[in-house]
Amino acid sequence: MDKKPPRPTVPAINDSSLAHESWKIFQVAAELIEGLERLVSTKPCVSIFGSARTPCGHPYYALTEALGQQLSNAGFSVITGGGPGLMEAGNKGAYQGKSFSIGLNIVLHHQESPNPYQDISLRFRHFFTRKFMFAKYATAFVFVPGGYGTLDELGEILALVQTKKTKMVPIILVNELFWRPLLKWFHENLINDKMIDKSDLALIQVVNTPEEVVSIIQNFYHPKDTASEVSKAS
């Protein structure tokens, strides 16, 4: 029998090394407090996630701009990541509507400037505080085509709803053709290998038009609800 190697020695606490880390706690608290103060009066909200790389003029951009405007005119404040691409499209559409256009901007070493279509613009250093604000006041989560960041948010929201760590709300994927391969993989791998239950896939709805998105959200709460009534339910 191989001899078990010794366990490493647990290092002693070094208060001086904690000073820098301790300041991060205040940074996190400040971001959360500002976010809660600025967004509490903007309900009901819908969070839109999508690619930062899709240029103006692309069909996905036009789709997301129309989506933002229709949600805004239906009485929903629109929350995006505040950056370029489809985030800009969602904010731009909401800015043309009657409700708030909100950007949760993240500080990145390569980040472009926040898009100019934001009534409320918040700035975050930490992804996890930004993620919290995306979820806190959302009555629905809408995913247009996107990359790693969009997939990260989708996985996290699905896990939160699946485990009942957040309330059940509509989770909507827009553009069936884009999402079809991922959903096929969910069926063929995750369900067949029993990584998720078949019922877990029912958390997702797939549509192609902004009108379908608005209809799903309104009907989820009540077929005849106004946006203000949806706010009371959230």
Foldseek 3Di string as FASTA:
>chain_A
DDDDDDDDDDDDDDVVVCPVVVVVVVQLVVQLVVLCVVCVPQPPAEEEEAAQPAAPPDPLLVQLLCLLQVCLQLPHEYEYQQAHDSLLSNLNSNLPHNGFHEHEHEDDPPGDDGHPSGPYYGYHPDPVSSLCSSQVNYQEYEYEYHDDVSVVSVVVVLVCPVVVVDDQHAYEYEDCVRCVVVVVCCVPPCPVVVVDDPVSVVSYYYYHHSVVVVCCSCVVVPNPDGSVNSSVVD
